[in-house]
């Protein structure tokens, strides 16, 4: 059931709607109802799009947190291995290449010590 409401419009806007209604063979009320429906449906589409984007951002955020958590765990394990390494004959890395070599060496020893 339709409900009757009152709307106040500028005279120029009312005349524009009256002309549009005449061209469509309908009433000003029908033009206003169609305009309001189109406006609300456009807003619903935009809201649905925004909600979809928000869900994708949340999903991506969650996956980034999981990836960072894994990297943090691996970094903690690496630090623990470095601290557990015997200090005899070890040297401090003087370059990033030296550091990479030491990390590879530690990882290889870790793999050899793991039970299969």
N, C-alpha and C. Protein backbone atom coordinates (compact mmCIF):
# COMPACT_ATOMS: atom_id res chain seq x y z
N UNK A 1 0.84 -1.17 0.00
CA UNK A 1 0.00 0.00 0.00
C UNK A 1 0.88 1.24 0.00
N UNK A 2 0.58 2.14 -0.87
CA UNK A 2 1.34 3.38 -0.95
C UNK A 2 0.90 4.34 0.14
N UNK A 3 1.85 5.15 0.56
CA UNK A 3 1.56 6.12 1.60
C UNK A 3 1.66 7.52 1.01
N UNK A 4 0.76 8.38 1.40
CA UNK A 4 0.73 9.75 0.91
C UNK A 4 1.66 10.61 1.77
N UNK A 5 2.55 11.37 1.11
CA UNK A 5 3.43 12.30 1.83
C UNK A 5 3.40 13.65 1.11
N UNK A 6 3.84 14.67 1.78
CA UNK A 6 3.95 15.99 1.17
C UNK A 6 5.42 16.31 0.97
N UNK A 7 5.73 16.89 -0.18
CA UNK A 7 7.10 17.28 -0.49
C UNK A 7 7.07 18.72 -0.99
N UNK A 8 7.99 19.52 -0.49
CA UNK A 8 8.08 20.90 -0.95
C UNK A 8 9.25 21.01 -1.91
N UNK A 9 8.98 21.57 -3.08
CA UNK A 9 9.99 21.69 -4.13
C UNK A 9 10.09 23.13 -4.61
N UNK A 10 11.27 23.47 -5.14
CA UNK A 10 11.42 24.75 -5.83
C UNK A 10 10.44 24.79 -7.00
N UNK A 11 9.91 25.96 -7.29
CA UNK A 11 8.99 26.04 -8.43
C UNK A 11 9.63 25.56 -9.74
N UNK A 12 10.91 25.87 -9.95
CA UNK A 12 11.58 25.44 -11.18
C UNK A 12 11.70 23.92 -11.23
N UNK A 13 12.03 23.30 -10.12
CA UNK A 13 12.14 21.84 -10.06
C UNK A 13 10.78 21.19 -10.27
N UNK A 14 9.74 21.79 -9.67
CA UNK A 14 8.40 21.25 -9.86
C UNK A 14 7.99 21.31 -11.33
N UNK A 15 8.31 22.43 -11.99
CA UNK A 15 7.97 22.57 -13.41
C UNK A 15 8.73 21.53 -14.25
N UNK A 16 9.99 21.28 -13.88
CA UNK A 16 10.80 20.27 -14.59
C UNK A 16 10.18 18.89 -14.41
N UNK A 17 9.72 18.58 -13.21
CA UNK A 17 9.09 17.28 -12.96
C UNK A 17 7.74 17.18 -13.67
N UNK A 18 7.01 18.29 -13.69
CA UNK A 18 5.71 18.31 -14.37
C UNK A 18 5.89 18.03 -15.87
N UNK A 19 6.95 18.62 -16.45
CA UNK A 19 7.25 18.39 -17.87
C UNK A 19 7.66 16.93 -18.09
N UNK A 20 8.49 16.40 -17.20
CA UNK A 20 8.92 15.00 -17.31
C UNK A 20 7.73 14.06 -17.19
N UNK A 21 6.82 14.37 -16.27
CA UNK A 21 5.62 13.54 -16.09
C UNK A 21 4.75 13.58 -17.34
N UNK A 22 4.60 14.76 -17.91
CA UNK A 22 3.77 14.91 -19.13
C UNK A 22 4.37 14.11 -20.28
N UNK A 23 5.72 14.16 -20.43
CA UNK A 23 6.40 13.42 -21.50
C UNK A 23 6.23 11.92 -21.32
N UNK A 24 6.19 11.46 -20.07
CA UNK A 24 6.04 10.03 -19.78
C UNK A 24 4.58 9.59 -19.72
N UNK A 25 3.70 10.52 -19.71
CA UNK A 25 2.28 10.19 -19.61
C UNK A 25 1.91 9.71 -18.22
N UNK A 26 2.52 10.32 -17.21
CA UNK A 26 2.29 9.91 -15.83
C UNK A 26 2.13 11.15 -14.96
N UNK A 27 2.05 10.97 -13.66
CA UNK A 27 1.88 12.10 -12.74
C UNK A 27 3.22 12.51 -12.13
N UNK A 28 3.23 13.71 -11.54
CA UNK A 28 4.42 14.19 -10.83
C UNK A 28 4.74 13.24 -9.68
N UNK A 29 3.70 12.74 -9.01
CA UNK A 29 3.92 11.79 -7.91
C UNK A 29 4.68 10.56 -8.38
N UNK A 30 4.33 10.03 -9.56
CA UNK A 30 5.02 8.86 -10.09
C UNK A 30 6.47 9.19 -10.45
N UNK A 31 6.72 10.39 -10.98
CA UNK A 31 8.10 10.81 -11.30
C UNK A 31 8.92 10.89 -10.02
N UNK A 32 8.35 11.48 -8.97
CA UNK A 32 9.06 11.59 -7.70
C UNK A 32 9.31 10.20 -7.12
N UNK A 33 8.31 9.32 -7.15
CA UNK A 33 8.47 7.97 -6.62
C UNK A 33 9.58 7.22 -7.38
N UNK A 34 9.59 7.36 -8.71
CA UNK A 34 10.63 6.71 -9.51
C UNK A 34 12.01 7.28 -9.20
N UNK A 35 12.08 8.60 -9.03
CA UNK A 35 13.37 9.24 -8.72
C UNK A 35 13.88 8.79 -7.34
N UNK A 36 13.00 8.71 -6.36
CA UNK A 36 13.40 8.28 -5.01
C UNK A 36 13.84 6.82 -5.06
N UNK A 37 13.10 5.98 -5.78
CA UNK A 37 13.49 4.56 -5.90
C UNK A 37 14.85 4.41 -6.55
N UNK A 38 15.06 5.16 -7.64
CA UNK A 38 16.36 5.08 -8.33
C UNK A 38 17.48 5.55 -7.41
N UNK A 39 17.24 6.64 -6.68
CA UNK A 39 18.24 7.16 -5.77
C UNK A 39 18.59 6.15 -4.68
N UNK A 40 17.55 5.57 -4.07
CA UNK A 40 17.79 4.61 -3.00
C UNK A 40 18.48 3.35 -3.52
N UNK A 41 18.09 2.90 -4.70
CA UNK A 41 18.73 1.70 -5.24
C UNK A 41 20.18 1.98 -5.62
N UNK A 42 20.47 3.18 -6.09
CA UNK A 42 21.86 3.55 -6.39
C UNK A 42 22.67 3.56 -5.09
N UNK A 43 22.10 4.08 -4.02
CA UNK A 43 22.80 4.09 -2.73
C UNK A 43 23.01 2.68 -2.21
N UNK A 44 22.01 1.80 -2.41
CA UNK A 44 22.15 0.41 -1.99
C UNK A 44 23.29 -0.26 -2.73
N UNK A 45 23.41 0.01 -4.03
CA UNK A 45 24.50 -0.57 -4.83
C UNK A 45 25.84 -0.06 -4.34
N UNK A 46 25.92 1.24 -4.06
CA UNK A 46 27.18 1.81 -3.57
C UNK A 46 27.52 1.24 -2.19
N UNK A 47 26.52 1.10 -1.35
CA UNK A 47 26.75 0.54 -0.02
C UNK A 47 27.23 -0.91 -0.11
N UNK A 48 26.62 -1.68 -0.99
CA UNK A 48 27.04 -3.08 -1.19
C UNK A 48 28.47 -3.12 -1.70
N UNK A 49 28.82 -2.22 -2.61
CA UNK A 49 30.19 -2.17 -3.14
C UNK A 49 31.19 -1.81 -2.04
N UNK A 50 30.84 -0.85 -1.21
CA UNK A 50 31.72 -0.45 -0.11
C UNK A 50 31.88 -1.59 0.89
N UNK A 51 30.79 -2.28 1.20
CA UNK A 51 30.87 -3.41 2.12
C UNK A 51 31.74 -4.53 1.55
N UNK A 52 31.63 -4.77 0.24
CA UNK A 52 32.47 -5.78 -0.41
C UNK A 52 33.94 -5.40 -0.33
N UNK A 53 34.24 -4.14 -0.61
CA UNK A 53 35.63 -3.67 -0.51
C UNK A 53 36.14 -3.79 0.92
N UNK A 54 35.29 -3.46 1.87
CA UNK A 54 35.68 -3.56 3.28
C UNK A 54 35.99 -5.01 3.66
N UNK A 55 35.16 -5.95 3.19
CA UNK A 55 35.42 -7.38 3.48
C UNK A 55 36.74 -7.82 2.86
N UNK A 56 37.02 -7.36 1.62
CA UNK A 56 38.28 -7.75 0.98
C UNK A 56 39.48 -7.18 1.73
N UNK A 57 39.37 -5.95 2.21
CA UNK A 57 40.45 -5.34 2.99
C UNK A 57 40.66 -6.13 4.28
N UNK A 58 39.55 -6.49 4.95
CA UNK A 58 39.66 -7.28 6.19
C UNK A 58 40.32 -8.63 5.92
N UNK A 59 39.91 -9.30 4.82
CA UNK A 59 40.50 -10.60 4.49
C UNK A 59 41.99 -10.46 4.20
N UNK A 60 42.35 -9.42 3.44
CA UNK A 60 43.75 -9.20 3.12
C UNK A 60 44.54 -8.86 4.39
N UNK A 61 43.94 -8.06 5.25
CA UNK A 61 44.59 -7.69 6.51
C UNK A 61 44.88 -8.93 7.34
N UNK A 62 43.91 -9.83 7.40
CA UNK A 62 44.09 -11.07 8.18
C UNK A 62 45.22 -11.92 7.59
N UNK A 63 45.28 -12.03 6.26
CA UNK A 63 46.32 -12.85 5.65
C UNK A 63 47.70 -12.22 5.84
N UNK A 64 47.77 -10.90 5.84
CA UNK A 64 49.05 -10.22 6.09
C UNK A 64 49.50 -10.48 7.52
N UNK A 65 48.57 -10.43 8.46
CA UNK A 65 48.92 -10.69 9.87
C UNK A 65 49.44 -12.11 10.04
N UNK A 66 48.78 -13.07 9.38
CA UNK A 66 49.23 -14.47 9.47
C UNK A 66 50.64 -14.61 8.89
N UNK A 67 50.88 -13.98 7.73
CA UNK A 67 52.21 -14.07 7.10
C UNK A 67 53.28 -13.42 7.99
N UNK A 68 52.96 -12.27 8.56
CA UNK A 68 53.92 -11.61 9.45
C UNK A 68 54.17 -12.43 10.70
N UNK A 69 53.14 -13.08 11.21
CA UNK A 69 53.29 -13.94 12.39
C UNK A 69 54.24 -15.09 12.08
N UNK A 70 54.08 -15.71 10.91
CA UNK A 70 54.98 -16.80 10.51
C UNK A 70 56.42 -16.31 10.41
N UNK A 71 56.60 -15.14 9.80
CA UNK A 71 57.95 -14.59 9.66
C UNK A 71 58.56 -14.27 11.02
N UNK A 72 57.74 -13.77 11.93
CA UNK A 72 58.24 -13.47 13.26
C UNK A 72 58.68 -14.73 13.99
N UNK A 73 57.91 -15.80 13.84
CA UNK A 73 58.29 -17.09 14.45
C UNK A 73 59.61 -17.58 13.86
N UNK A 74 59.75 -17.49 12.53
CA UNK A 74 60.99 -17.94 11.89
C UNK A 74 62.17 -17.08 12.33
N UNK A 75 61.94 -15.79 12.47
CA UNK A 75 63.01 -14.91 12.94
C UNK A 75 63.41 -15.26 14.37
N UNK A 76 62.43 -15.57 15.21
CA UNK A 76 62.72 -15.98 16.58
C UNK A 76 63.52 -17.26 16.62
N UNK A 77 63.16 -18.22 15.75
CA UNK A 77 63.91 -19.48 15.69
C UNK A 77 65.35 -19.22 15.23
N UNK A 78 65.51 -18.34 14.25
CA UNK A 78 66.85 -18.03 13.75
C UNK A 78 67.69 -17.36 14.83
N UNK A 79 67.09 -16.44 15.56
CA UNK A 79 67.82 -15.77 16.65
C UNK A 79 68.22 -16.78 17.71
N UNK A 80 67.31 -17.70 18.04
CA UNK A 80 67.63 -18.73 19.03
C UNK A 80 68.78 -19.60 18.55
N UNK A 81 68.79 -19.95 17.25
CA UNK A 81 69.89 -20.76 16.71
C UNK A 81 71.21 -20.01 16.77
N UNK A 82 71.17 -18.72 16.42
CA UNK A 82 72.40 -17.93 16.44
C UNK A 82 72.93 -17.83 17.87
N UNK A 83 72.04 -17.63 18.82
CA UNK A 83 72.48 -17.53 20.21
C UNK A 83 72.98 -18.86 20.75
N UNK A 84 72.49 -19.97 20.22
CA UNK A 84 72.91 -21.29 20.69
C UNK A 84 74.20 -21.75 20.03
N UNK A 85 74.65 -21.08 18.99
CA UNK A 85 75.87 -21.47 18.28
C UNK A 85 77.09 -21.29 19.19
N UNK A 86 78.03 -22.23 19.14
CA UNK A 86 79.26 -22.04 19.92
C UNK A 86 80.04 -20.84 19.40
N UNK A 87 80.65 -20.12 20.31
CA UNK A 87 81.36 -18.89 19.94
C UNK A 87 82.81 -19.13 19.52
N UNK A 88 83.34 -20.33 19.73
CA UNK A 88 84.74 -20.59 19.39
C UNK A 88 84.93 -20.44 17.88
N UNK A 89 85.90 -19.68 17.52
CA UNK A 89 86.27 -19.55 16.12
C UNK A 89 85.24 -18.83 15.27
N UNK A 90 84.15 -18.41 15.87
CA UNK A 90 83.17 -17.69 15.05
C UNK A 90 83.61 -16.25 14.93
N UNK A 91 83.19 -15.68 13.86
CA UNK A 91 83.57 -14.28 13.64
C UNK A 91 82.32 -13.48 13.38
N UNK A 92 82.40 -12.22 13.60
CA UNK A 92 81.26 -11.34 13.36
C UNK A 92 81.22 -11.03 11.86
N UNK A 93 80.03 -11.11 11.31
CA UNK A 93 79.87 -10.85 9.87
C UNK A 93 80.24 -9.40 9.58
N UNK A 94 81.07 -9.23 8.56
CA UNK A 94 81.48 -7.87 8.21
C UNK A 94 80.69 -7.32 7.04
N UNK A 95 79.89 -8.16 6.41
CA UNK A 95 79.08 -7.68 5.29
C UNK A 95 77.79 -8.48 5.24
N UNK A 96 76.86 -8.03 4.43
CA UNK A 96 75.60 -8.77 4.31
C UNK A 96 75.83 -10.13 3.66
N UNK A 97 76.86 -10.25 2.81
CA UNK A 97 77.18 -11.55 2.21
C UNK A 97 77.69 -12.51 3.28
N UNK A 98 78.53 -12.00 4.21
CA UNK A 98 79.01 -12.83 5.32
C UNK A 98 77.84 -13.26 6.20
N UNK A 99 76.93 -12.35 6.47
CA UNK A 99 75.77 -12.66 7.29
C UNK A 99 74.91 -13.72 6.60
N UNK A 100 74.70 -13.58 5.31
CA UNK A 100 73.89 -14.55 4.56
C UNK A 100 74.55 -15.92 4.60
N UNK A 101 75.86 -15.96 4.49
CA UNK A 101 76.59 -17.24 4.55
C UNK A 101 76.46 -17.87 5.92
N UNK A 102 76.56 -17.08 6.96
CA UNK A 102 76.40 -17.61 8.32
C UNK A 102 74.99 -18.14 8.53
N UNK A 103 73.98 -17.44 8.02
CA UNK A 103 72.59 -17.89 8.14
C UNK A 103 72.40 -19.21 7.40
N UNK A 104 72.94 -19.31 6.18
CA UNK A 104 72.84 -20.57 5.40
C UNK A 104 73.50 -21.71 6.16
N UNK A 105 74.66 -21.43 6.75
CA UNK A 105 75.38 -22.45 7.50
C UNK A 105 74.56 -22.93 8.69
N UNK A 106 73.95 -22.01 9.40
CA UNK A 106 73.13 -22.38 10.56
C UNK A 106 71.92 -23.18 10.12
N UNK A 107 71.28 -22.76 9.03
CA UNK A 107 70.10 -23.47 8.54
C UNK A 107 70.46 -24.88 8.08
N UNK A 108 71.63 -25.05 7.46
CA UNK A 108 72.06 -26.38 7.03
C UNK A 108 72.29 -27.28 8.24
N UNK A 109 72.93 -26.73 9.28
CA UNK A 109 73.16 -27.52 10.50
C UNK A 109 71.83 -27.89 11.16
N UNK A 110 70.89 -26.97 11.12
CA UNK A 110 69.59 -27.24 11.70
C UNK A 110 68.91 -28.38 10.96
N UNK A 111 68.98 -28.37 9.64
CA UNK A 111 68.36 -29.42 8.83
C UNK A 111 69.04 -30.78 9.10
N UNK A 112 70.35 -30.79 9.26
CA UNK A 112 71.04 -32.03 9.53
C UNK A 112 70.70 -32.60 10.90
N UNK A 113 70.39 -31.73 11.85
CA UNK A 113 70.08 -32.17 13.22
C UNK A 113 68.62 -32.57 13.39
N UNK A 114 67.77 -32.28 12.41
CA UNK A 114 66.37 -32.64 12.54
C UNK A 114 66.16 -34.11 12.27
N UNK A 115 65.35 -34.79 13.12
CA UNK A 115 65.06 -36.21 12.87
C UNK A 115 64.20 -36.36 11.63
N UNK A 116 64.45 -37.39 10.87
CA UNK A 116 63.66 -37.62 9.64
C UNK A 116 62.70 -38.75 9.82
